[in-house]
Amino acid sequence: MPKPKSRAEIQREYRSRRDADPTRRERYLQNECGKYRHDLLSGKRKHVADMNEREARKERREWKKRQRRSRLVHKARTNMCTPPPTPSTDTGGHQSRQKETGRKCVRRERAAGYRRIAALEKELEKATRKAERLRRNTREHQSRPCLAI
């Protein structure tokens, strides 16, 4: 006794039979188009131009996700037909020792530079506060009347 088909398999076969007959497919597409128009008129669906900013952003985000997934599926299908890539003579993406050392040195120097900049910014802030305090004090001294004994 054969194994029963899953709902997905049954639906896949139904769609392939429907799409195999051109008149049946055309009738299906017209019906879908009519459903879409009816949904637009009833307010179930909207054009992006008729949405407020928030709804439009949400819809565009979802559209982007669907497109990305669709493109990945399409790419996977086209790659299935192409022959596998020729094996390379590389050692699996390993960089040379000199290049690794150089990158490490650059990263170290860059980090040291960032630390130096942060320290200098702190020092500048400290000096600015001190200058402001001195400026305030000199203004106060100048505005006070001098009391001579």
N, C-alpha and C. Protein backbone atom coordinates (compact mmCIF):
# COMPACT_ATOMS: atom_id res chain seq x y z
N MET A 1 0.84 -1.19 0.00
CA MET A 1 0.00 0.00 0.00
C MET A 1 0.89 1.25 0.00
N PRO A 2 0.68 2.18 -0.96
CA PRO A 2 1.53 3.37 -1.04
C PRO A 2 1.26 4.33 0.12
N LYS A 3 2.30 5.08 0.44
CA LYS A 3 2.21 6.07 1.52
C LYS A 3 1.28 7.21 1.08
N PRO A 4 0.36 7.67 1.94
CA PRO A 4 -0.54 8.76 1.54
C PRO A 4 0.23 10.05 1.32
N LYS A 5 -0.30 10.86 0.38
CA LYS A 5 0.38 12.11 0.03
C LYS A 5 0.08 13.19 1.07
N SER A 6 1.05 14.07 1.25
CA SER A 6 0.84 15.20 2.16
C SER A 6 0.00 16.25 1.46
N ARG A 7 -0.55 17.19 2.24
CA ARG A 7 -1.37 18.26 1.66
C ARG A 7 -0.55 19.08 0.67
N ALA A 8 0.72 19.30 0.99
CA ALA A 8 1.57 20.08 0.10
C ALA A 8 1.72 19.38 -1.25
N GLU A 9 1.92 18.05 -1.22
CA GLU A 9 2.07 17.31 -2.48
C GLU A 9 0.78 17.35 -3.29
N ILE A 10 -0.35 17.19 -2.60
CA ILE A 10 -1.64 17.22 -3.29
C ILE A 10 -1.85 18.58 -3.95
N GLN A 11 -1.56 19.64 -3.21
CA GLN A 11 -1.73 20.99 -3.74
C GLN A 11 -0.78 21.26 -4.91
N ARG A 12 0.47 20.78 -4.78
CA ARG A 12 1.46 20.96 -5.84
C ARG A 12 0.96 20.29 -7.13
N GLU A 13 0.42 19.09 -7.02
CA GLU A 13 -0.08 18.38 -8.20
C GLU A 13 -1.28 19.11 -8.81
N TYR A 14 -2.17 19.61 -7.93
CA TYR A 14 -3.35 20.34 -8.41
C TYR A 14 -2.92 21.57 -9.20
N ARG A 15 -1.97 22.31 -8.64
CA ARG A 15 -1.51 23.52 -9.33
C ARG A 15 -0.83 23.19 -10.65
N SER A 16 -0.04 22.12 -10.68
CA SER A 16 0.64 21.77 -11.94
C SER A 16 -0.39 21.35 -12.99
N ARG A 17 -1.45 20.63 -12.59
CA ARG A 17 -2.51 20.25 -13.55
C ARG A 17 -3.24 21.50 -14.04
N ARG A 18 -3.54 22.41 -13.11
CA ARG A 18 -4.25 23.64 -13.47
C ARG A 18 -3.41 24.47 -14.44
N ASP A 19 -2.10 24.59 -14.17
CA ASP A 19 -1.23 25.42 -15.00
C ASP A 19 -0.88 24.75 -16.33
N ALA A 20 -1.08 23.44 -16.41
CA ALA A 20 -0.76 22.74 -17.65
C ALA A 20 -1.78 23.08 -18.75
N ASP A 21 -3.02 23.32 -18.36
CA ASP A 21 -4.07 23.66 -19.32
C ASP A 21 -4.14 25.18 -19.47
N PRO A 22 -3.81 25.73 -20.66
CA PRO A 22 -3.75 27.19 -20.83
C PRO A 22 -5.07 27.91 -20.55
N THR A 23 -6.20 27.32 -21.00
CA THR A 23 -7.49 28.00 -20.77
C THR A 23 -7.84 28.01 -19.29
N ARG A 24 -7.55 26.92 -18.62
CA ARG A 24 -7.83 26.84 -17.18
C ARG A 24 -6.94 27.81 -16.40
N ARG A 25 -5.70 27.92 -16.82
CA ARG A 25 -4.78 28.87 -16.16
C ARG A 25 -5.25 30.31 -16.38
N GLU A 26 -5.67 30.62 -17.62
CA GLU A 26 -6.14 31.96 -17.92
C GLU A 26 -7.37 32.30 -17.07
N ARG A 27 -8.29 31.34 -16.95
CA ARG A 27 -9.50 31.55 -16.13
C ARG A 27 -9.10 31.80 -14.66
N TYR A 28 -8.12 31.03 -14.17
CA TYR A 28 -7.64 31.19 -12.79
C TYR A 28 -7.03 32.59 -12.59
N LEU A 29 -6.20 33.04 -13.54
CA LEU A 29 -5.55 34.35 -13.42
C LEU A 29 -6.59 35.48 -13.45
N GLN A 30 -7.61 35.36 -14.30
CA GLN A 30 -8.66 36.37 -14.33
C GLN A 30 -9.42 36.41 -13.01
N ASN A 31 -9.67 35.24 -12.45
CA ASN A 31 -10.37 35.15 -11.17
C ASN A 31 -9.54 35.81 -10.07
N GLU A 32 -8.24 35.57 -10.07
CA GLU A 32 -7.35 36.18 -9.06
C GLU A 32 -7.32 37.70 -9.22
N CYS A 33 -7.30 38.17 -10.46
CA CYS A 33 -7.30 39.60 -10.74
C CYS A 33 -8.59 40.22 -10.22
N GLY A 34 -9.72 39.55 -10.46
CA GLY A 34 -11.01 40.03 -9.96
C GLY A 34 -11.04 40.08 -8.44
N LYS A 35 -10.47 39.06 -7.78
CA LYS A 35 -10.41 39.04 -6.32
C LYS A 35 -9.61 40.22 -5.80
N TYR A 36 -8.48 40.51 -6.47
CA TYR A 36 -7.62 41.61 -6.06
C TYR A 36 -8.37 42.94 -6.18
N ARG A 37 -9.07 43.13 -7.30
CA ARG A 37 -9.84 44.38 -7.49
C ARG A 37 -10.93 44.51 -6.44
N HIS A 38 -11.61 43.40 -6.15
CA HIS A 38 -12.67 43.41 -5.14
C HIS A 38 -12.10 43.77 -3.77
N ASP A 39 -10.92 43.21 -3.44
CA ASP A 39 -10.27 43.52 -2.16
C ASP A 39 -9.89 44.99 -2.09
N LEU A 40 -9.46 45.57 -3.21
CA LEU A 40 -9.12 47.00 -3.25
C LEU A 40 -10.36 47.85 -2.98
N LEU A 41 -11.47 47.49 -3.63
CA LEU A 41 -12.70 48.26 -3.47
C LEU A 41 -13.27 48.13 -2.06
N SER A 42 -13.17 46.93 -1.49
CA SER A 42 -13.74 46.70 -0.15
C SER A 42 -12.84 47.25 0.96
N GLY A 43 -11.61 47.63 0.62
CA GLY A 43 -10.70 48.18 1.62
C GLY A 43 -9.87 47.14 2.32
N LYS A 44 -9.97 45.90 1.87
CA LYS A 44 -9.16 44.82 2.46
C LYS A 44 -7.69 45.00 2.13
N ARG A 45 -7.43 45.53 0.95
CA ARG A 45 -6.06 45.83 0.50
C ARG A 45 -5.99 47.29 0.09
N LYS A 46 -4.77 47.84 0.08
CA LYS A 46 -4.58 49.23 -0.35
C LYS A 46 -3.37 49.31 -1.24
N HIS A 47 -3.35 50.33 -2.09
CA HIS A 47 -2.13 50.64 -2.82
C HIS A 47 -1.18 51.31 -1.83
N VAL A 48 0.10 51.19 -2.06
CA VAL A 48 1.08 51.81 -1.16
C VAL A 48 0.90 53.32 -1.16
N ALA A 49 0.51 53.89 -2.28
CA ALA A 49 0.31 55.33 -2.38
C ALA A 49 -0.83 55.80 -1.47
N ASP A 50 -1.80 54.91 -1.19
CA ASP A 50 -2.95 55.27 -0.35
C ASP A 50 -2.70 55.03 1.13
N MET A 51 -1.56 54.44 1.48
CA MET A 51 -1.26 54.13 2.88
C MET A 51 -0.61 55.32 3.56
N ASN A 52 -0.69 55.34 4.90
CA ASN A 52 0.07 56.36 5.61
C ASN A 52 1.53 55.91 5.67
N GLU A 53 2.41 56.78 6.13
CA GLU A 53 3.85 56.49 6.08
C GLU A 53 4.22 55.20 6.79
N ARG A 54 3.64 55.02 7.97
CA ARG A 54 3.98 53.85 8.79
C ARG A 54 3.58 52.55 8.10
N GLU A 55 2.33 52.51 7.58
CA GLU A 55 1.87 51.31 6.87
C GLU A 55 2.74 51.04 5.64
N ALA A 56 3.06 52.11 4.90
CA ALA A 56 3.87 51.95 3.69
C ALA A 56 5.24 51.41 4.02
N ARG A 57 5.86 51.93 5.10
CA ARG A 57 7.18 51.42 5.52
C ARG A 57 7.10 49.94 5.86
N LYS A 58 6.07 49.56 6.60
CA LYS A 58 5.89 48.16 6.99
C LYS A 58 5.71 47.27 5.76
N GLU A 59 4.86 47.73 4.85
CA GLU A 59 4.59 46.97 3.63
C GLU A 59 5.85 46.82 2.78
N ARG A 60 6.61 47.92 2.66
CA ARG A 60 7.84 47.86 1.87
C ARG A 60 8.85 46.93 2.51
N ARG A 61 8.95 46.94 3.86
CA ARG A 61 9.87 46.05 4.57
C ARG A 61 9.50 44.59 4.29
N GLU A 62 8.20 44.28 4.36
CA GLU A 62 7.75 42.91 4.08
C GLU A 62 8.02 42.53 2.62
N TRP A 63 7.78 43.50 1.72
CA TRP A 63 8.03 43.24 0.30
C TRP A 63 9.51 42.93 0.07
N LYS A 64 10.39 43.70 0.77
CA LYS A 64 11.83 43.47 0.64
C LYS A 64 12.20 42.05 1.08
N LYS A 65 11.61 41.61 2.19
CA LYS A 65 11.88 40.26 2.68
C LYS A 65 11.42 39.21 1.68
N ARG A 66 10.20 39.41 1.14
CA ARG A 66 9.68 38.45 0.15
C ARG A 66 10.56 38.41 -1.08
N GLN A 67 10.98 39.60 -1.56
CA GLN A 67 11.84 39.67 -2.74
C GLN A 67 13.17 38.97 -2.50
N ARG A 68 13.78 39.22 -1.33
CA ARG A 68 15.07 38.60 -1.01
C ARG A 68 14.94 37.08 -1.03
N ARG A 69 13.86 36.58 -0.38
CA ARG A 69 13.64 35.14 -0.34
C ARG A 69 13.42 34.59 -1.74
N SER A 70 12.63 35.32 -2.55
CA SER A 70 12.35 34.89 -3.91
C SER A 70 13.62 34.83 -4.75
N ARG A 71 14.46 35.86 -4.60
CA ARG A 71 15.71 35.88 -5.36
C ARG A 71 16.64 34.75 -4.95
N LEU A 72 16.67 34.46 -3.65
CA LEU A 72 17.52 33.36 -3.18
C LEU A 72 17.04 32.02 -3.75
N VAL A 73 15.71 31.83 -3.76
CA VAL A 73 15.14 30.59 -4.31
C VAL A 73 15.47 30.49 -5.80
N HIS A 74 15.30 31.62 -6.51
CA HIS A 74 15.59 31.63 -7.95
C HIS A 74 17.06 31.32 -8.21
N LYS A 75 17.94 31.93 -7.41
CA LYS A 75 19.38 31.68 -7.57
C LYS A 75 19.70 30.21 -7.29
N ALA A 76 19.07 29.65 -6.27
CA ALA A 76 19.31 28.24 -5.93
C ALA A 76 18.86 27.34 -7.07
N ARG A 77 17.72 27.68 -7.68
CA ARG A 77 17.22 26.86 -8.80
C ARG A 77 18.15 26.94 -10.00
N THR A 78 18.66 28.13 -10.30
CA THR A 78 19.53 28.27 -11.46
C THR A 78 20.89 27.62 -11.19
N ASN A 79 21.34 27.68 -9.92
CA ASN A 79 22.63 27.06 -9.59
C ASN A 79 22.56 25.54 -9.61
N MET A 80 21.36 24.99 -9.45
CA MET A 80 21.23 23.53 -9.49
C MET A 80 21.58 23.00 -10.88
N CYS A 81 21.30 23.81 -11.91
CA CYS A 81 21.53 23.38 -13.29
C CYS A 81 22.99 23.55 -13.71
N THR A 82 23.73 24.38 -13.03
CA THR A 82 25.11 24.62 -13.43
C THR A 82 26.03 23.56 -12.83
N PRO A 83 27.13 23.26 -13.51
CA PRO A 83 28.06 22.26 -12.97
C PRO A 83 28.76 22.80 -11.73
N PRO A 84 29.24 21.92 -10.87
CA PRO A 84 29.92 22.38 -9.67
C PRO A 84 31.21 23.12 -10.01
N PRO A 85 31.63 24.04 -9.17
CA PRO A 85 32.84 24.80 -9.47
C PRO A 85 34.08 23.91 -9.45
N THR A 86 35.07 24.32 -10.22
CA THR A 86 36.32 23.58 -10.27
C THR A 86 37.03 23.73 -8.93
N PRO A 87 37.54 22.62 -8.39
CA PRO A 87 38.24 22.74 -7.11
C PRO A 87 39.47 23.64 -7.25
N SER A 88 39.63 24.54 -6.30
CA SER A 88 40.75 25.48 -6.38
C SER A 88 41.98 24.90 -5.69
N THR A 89 43.12 25.49 -5.99
CA THR A 89 44.37 25.03 -5.39
C THR A 89 44.67 25.77 -4.10
N ASP A 90 43.72 26.66 -3.68
CA ASP A 90 43.90 27.40 -2.44
C ASP A 90 43.90 26.46 -1.24
N THR A 91 44.40 26.97 -0.13
CA THR A 91 44.43 26.16 1.09
C THR A 91 43.20 26.46 1.95
N GLY A 92 42.10 26.80 1.32
CA GLY A 92 40.87 27.03 2.06
C GLY A 92 40.74 28.42 2.63
N GLY A 93 41.09 29.45 1.89
CA GLY A 93 40.91 30.82 2.33
C GLY A 93 41.95 31.28 3.33
N HIS A 94 43.06 30.58 3.44
CA HIS A 94 44.12 30.95 4.38
C HIS A 94 44.95 32.08 3.79
N GLN A 95 45.18 33.12 4.58
CA GLN A 95 46.01 34.22 4.12
C GLN A 95 47.46 33.94 4.47
N SER A 96 48.34 34.65 3.82
CA SER A 96 49.75 34.46 4.10
C SER A 96 50.09 35.00 5.49
N ARG A 97 51.13 34.49 6.09
CA ARG A 97 51.54 34.90 7.44
C ARG A 97 51.87 36.39 7.47
N GLN A 98 52.56 36.87 6.42
CA GLN A 98 52.94 38.28 6.38
C GLN A 98 51.70 39.17 6.36
N LYS A 99 50.68 38.75 5.58
CA LYS A 99 49.47 39.56 5.48
C LYS A 99 48.75 39.59 6.82
N GLU A 100 48.66 38.43 7.48
CA GLU A 100 48.02 38.37 8.80
C GLU A 100 48.74 39.26 9.80
N THR A 101 50.07 39.19 9.79
CA THR A 101 50.88 40.00 10.71
C THR A 101 50.67 41.48 10.43
N GLY A 102 50.66 41.84 9.15
CA GLY A 102 50.45 43.24 8.77
C GLY A 102 49.10 43.75 9.22
N ARG A 103 48.05 42.93 9.02
CA ARG A 103 46.71 43.34 9.43
C ARG A 103 46.64 43.51 10.94
N LYS A 104 47.31 42.60 11.66
CA LYS A 104 47.33 42.66 13.11
C LYS A 104 47.99 43.95 13.58
N CYS A 105 49.09 44.30 12.92
CA CYS A 105 49.83 45.52 13.26
C CYS A 105 48.97 46.76 12.99
N VAL A 106 48.28 46.77 11.86
CA VAL A 106 47.43 47.89 11.51
C VAL A 106 46.31 48.04 12.53
N ARG A 107 45.69 46.91 12.90
CA ARG A 107 44.61 46.96 13.89
C ARG A 107 45.11 47.47 15.23
N ARG A 108 46.29 47.01 15.64
CA ARG A 108 46.87 47.44 16.91
C ARG A 108 47.12 48.94 16.90
N GLU A 109 47.72 49.44 15.80
CA GLU A 109 48.01 50.87 15.69
C GLU A 109 46.74 51.70 15.66
N ARG A 110 45.74 51.20 14.98
CA ARG A 110 44.47 51.91 14.89
C ARG A 110 43.81 52.00 16.27
N ALA A 111 43.84 50.89 17.01
CA ALA A 111 43.25 50.87 18.36
C ALA A 111 44.01 51.84 19.27
N ALA A 112 45.33 51.85 19.15
CA ALA A 112 46.14 52.77 19.97
C ALA A 112 45.79 54.21 19.62
N GLY A 113 45.58 54.49 18.34
CA GLY A 113 45.21 55.83 17.90
C GLY A 113 43.87 56.24 18.49
N TYR A 114 42.89 55.31 18.48
CA TYR A 114 41.58 55.61 19.06
C TYR A 114 41.70 55.90 20.55
N ARG A 115 42.52 55.11 21.24
CA ARG A 115 42.71 55.34 22.68
C ARG A 115 43.34 56.70 22.92
N ARG A 116 44.32 57.05 22.10
CA ARG A 116 45.01 58.34 22.24
C ARG A 116 44.02 59.49 22.00
N ILE A 117 43.18 59.35 20.98
CA ILE A 117 42.18 60.39 20.69
C ILE A 117 41.23 60.55 21.87
N ALA A 118 40.78 59.42 22.45
CA ALA A 118 39.86 59.49 23.59
C ALA A 118 40.53 60.20 24.77
N ALA A 119 41.81 59.88 25.02
CA ALA A 119 42.53 60.52 26.13
C ALA A 119 42.68 62.01 25.88
N LEU A 120 43.02 62.39 24.65
CA LEU A 120 43.17 63.81 24.32
C LEU A 120 41.84 64.57 24.44
N GLU A 121 40.75 63.90 24.04
CA GLU A 121 39.44 64.55 24.17
C GLU A 121 39.10 64.79 25.64
N LYS A 122 39.43 63.81 26.51
CA LYS A 122 39.20 63.99 27.94
C LYS A 122 40.03 65.15 28.46
N GLU A 123 41.30 65.19 28.04
CA GLU A 123 42.21 66.25 28.47
C GLU A 123 41.70 67.62 28.01
N LEU A 124 41.21 67.69 26.78
CA LEU A 124 40.68 68.94 26.25
C LEU A 124 39.46 69.38 27.05
N GLU A 125 38.59 68.44 27.37
CA GLU A 125 37.39 68.75 28.15
C GLU A 125 37.78 69.31 29.51
N LYS A 126 38.78 68.68 30.13
CA LYS A 126 39.27 69.12 31.44
C LYS A 126 39.83 70.54 31.35
N ALA A 127 40.65 70.81 30.32
CA ALA A 127 41.25 72.13 30.14
C ALA A 127 40.17 73.18 29.87
N THR A 128 39.16 72.82 29.09
CA THR A 128 38.06 73.74 28.79
C THR A 128 37.31 74.11 30.06
N ARG A 129 37.03 73.10 30.91
CA ARG A 129 36.33 73.38 32.17
C ARG A 129 37.16 74.31 33.05
N LYS A 130 38.49 74.06 33.12
CA LYS A 130 39.38 74.87 33.95
C LYS A 130 39.41 76.32 33.44
N ALA A 131 39.51 76.49 32.12
CA ALA A 131 39.54 77.82 31.53
C ALA A 131 38.24 78.56 31.83
N GLU A 132 37.13 77.86 31.74
CA GLU A 132 35.82 78.46 32.01
C GLU A 132 35.73 78.90 33.47
N ARG A 133 36.22 78.04 34.36
CA ARG A 133 36.21 78.37 35.79
C ARG A 133 37.06 79.62 36.06
N LEU A 134 38.25 79.69 35.47
CA LEU A 134 39.13 80.85 35.65
C LEU A 134 38.50 82.12 35.07
N ARG A 135 37.86 81.98 33.94
CA ARG A 135 37.22 83.12 33.30
C ARG A 135 36.11 83.66 34.21
N ARG A 136 35.33 82.75 34.80
CA ARG A 136 34.26 83.14 35.71
C ARG A 136 34.83 83.86 36.94
N ASN A 137 35.93 83.28 37.48
CA ASN A 137 36.55 83.88 38.67
C ASN A 137 37.08 85.28 38.38
N THR A 138 37.72 85.48 37.24
CA THR A 138 38.26 86.81 36.92
C THR A 138 37.14 87.81 36.72
N ARG A 139 36.03 87.38 36.14
CA ARG A 139 34.89 88.27 35.97
C ARG A 139 34.33 88.70 37.33
N GLU A 140 34.25 87.74 38.25
CA GLU A 140 33.74 88.04 39.59
C GLU A 140 34.67 89.02 40.31
N HIS A 141 35.98 88.81 40.16
CA HIS A 141 36.96 89.70 40.80
C HIS A 141 36.87 91.12 40.25
N GLN A 142 36.67 91.23 38.96
CA GLN A 142 36.61 92.55 38.33
C GLN A 142 35.35 93.30 38.69
N SER A 143 34.26 92.55 38.90
CA SER A 143 32.99 93.22 39.18
C SER A 143 32.87 93.66 40.64
N ARG A 144 33.66 93.09 41.56
CA ARG A 144 33.62 93.47 42.98
C ARG A 144 34.34 94.80 43.19
N PRO A 145 33.76 95.64 44.04
CA PRO A 145 34.45 96.89 44.35
C PRO A 145 35.62 96.60 45.29
N CYS A 146 36.64 97.33 45.11
CA CYS A 146 37.85 97.14 45.89
C CYS A 146 37.70 97.86 47.23
N LEU A 147 37.88 97.14 48.32
CA LEU A 147 37.77 97.73 49.66
C LEU A 147 39.17 98.03 50.18
N ALA A 148 39.51 99.28 50.31
CA ALA A 148 40.83 99.65 50.81
C ALA A 148 40.73 99.93 52.31
N ILE A 149 41.69 99.50 53.03
CA ILE A 149 41.68 99.72 54.47
C ILE A 149 42.48 100.95 54.83
